[in-house]
């Protein structure tokens, strides 16, 4: 992947920040915005902001269909957004 944002904490939905202070909600640790996460699984439903995950089951918010939590989506974007063509 050539995108420089790929795998960085500042595009992860599990990282929160206040000004320059970043924290990982998965590991309960302080991180930096440009740090890379070893748990990062690019494109999988587990890390998708469009997926609804309950008790290990995932439902795609785009297709509204059940999916595997580790499924990799063809609409994946490193910032977790849909492409302009999908909106």
Protein backbone atom coordinates (compact mmCIF):
# COMPACT_ATOMS: atom_id res chain seq x y z
CA UNK A 1 0.00 0.00 0.00
CA UNK A 2 1.48 3.32 -0.98
CA UNK A 3 -0.81 5.54 1.11
CA UNK A 4 1.24 7.16 3.88
CA UNK A 5 -1.78 7.05 6.25
CA UNK A 6 -1.88 3.26 6.08
CA UNK A 7 -1.89 1.68 9.53
CA UNK A 8 -1.37 4.88 11.51
CA UNK A 9 -3.06 5.60 14.82
CA UNK A 10 -4.53 8.89 13.63
CA UNK A 11 -6.84 7.06 11.20
CA UNK A 12 -7.80 4.22 13.54
CA UNK A 13 -11.33 4.25 14.97
CA UNK A 14 -9.96 2.78 18.22
CA UNK A 15 -7.66 5.75 18.87
CA UNK A 16 -8.96 8.90 20.53
CA UNK A 17 -7.27 12.21 21.01
CA UNK A 18 -7.45 15.55 22.74
CA UNK A 19 -5.21 18.10 21.07
CA UNK A 20 -1.81 16.38 20.77
CA UNK A 21 -2.55 13.58 23.28
CA UNK A 22 -3.52 10.25 21.70
CA UNK A 23 -4.68 7.04 23.39
CA UNK A 24 -5.36 3.54 22.08
CA UNK A 25 -8.67 2.20 23.37
CA UNK A 26 -7.69 -1.41 22.56
CA UNK A 27 -4.47 -1.45 24.56
CA UNK A 28 -5.28 1.34 27.05
CA UNK A 29 -1.97 3.00 26.21
CA UNK A 30 -0.75 6.42 25.18
CA UNK A 31 0.30 6.49 21.52
CA UNK A 32 1.53 9.02 19.02
CA UNK A 33 -0.60 10.02 16.04
CA UNK A 34 1.79 8.54 13.48
CA UNK A 35 2.52 5.35 15.39
CA UNK A 36 1.66 2.04 13.71
CA UNK A 37 -0.39 -0.56 15.52
CA UNK A 38 0.50 -4.28 15.54
CA UNK A 39 -3.24 -5.08 15.81
CA UNK A 40 -4.02 -3.16 12.64
CA UNK A 41 -5.81 -5.41 10.15
CA UNK A 42 -6.32 -3.37 7.00
CA UNK A 43 -9.73 -3.54 5.44
CA UNK A 44 -11.28 -6.09 7.78
CA UNK A 45 -14.78 -5.66 9.20
CA UNK A 46 -13.41 -5.67 12.75
CA UNK A 47 -11.79 -2.28 12.11
CA UNK A 48 -14.50 -0.80 9.87
CA UNK A 49 -16.54 2.16 11.07
CA UNK A 50 -19.46 0.93 8.91
CA UNK A 51 -19.68 -2.50 10.54
CA UNK A 52 -21.87 -3.26 13.52
CA UNK A 53 -20.25 -5.90 15.69
CA UNK A 54 -22.04 -7.67 18.53
CA UNK A 55 -20.92 -10.83 20.29
CA UNK A 56 -18.40 -11.65 17.56
CA UNK A 57 -20.93 -11.31 14.74
CA UNK A 58 -20.66 -8.51 12.18
CA UNK A 59 -23.23 -6.84 9.95
CA UNK A 60 -22.05 -4.60 7.13
CA UNK A 61 -23.54 -1.11 7.35
CA UNK A 62 -23.15 -0.63 3.61
CA UNK A 63 -24.71 -3.86 2.30
CA UNK A 64 -26.79 -4.58 5.46
CA UNK A 65 -25.69 -8.23 5.14
CA UNK A 66 -24.09 -10.42 7.84
CA UNK A 67 -20.38 -10.83 7.30
CA UNK A 68 -17.37 -12.44 8.90
CA UNK A 69 -15.61 -10.16 11.38
CA UNK A 70 -12.27 -10.79 9.62
CA UNK A 71 -13.67 -10.34 6.11
CA UNK A 72 -11.74 -7.82 4.00
CA UNK A 73 -13.92 -5.28 2.22
CA UNK A 74 -13.42 -4.14 -1.37
CA UNK A 75 -14.55 -0.64 -0.34
CA UNK A 76 -11.67 -0.30 2.12
CA UNK A 77 -10.01 3.09 2.51
CA UNK A 78 -7.16 3.71 4.99
CA UNK A 79 -9.13 6.55 6.58
CA UNK A 80 -12.22 4.40 7.09
CA UNK A 81 -14.33 6.44 4.70
CA UNK A 82 -16.21 5.45 1.57
CA UNK A 83 -14.76 6.63 -1.68
CA UNK A 84 -16.47 9.54 -3.41
CA UNK A 85 -17.93 7.09 -5.92
CA UNK A 86 -19.76 5.20 -3.17
CA UNK A 87 -21.60 8.16 -1.66
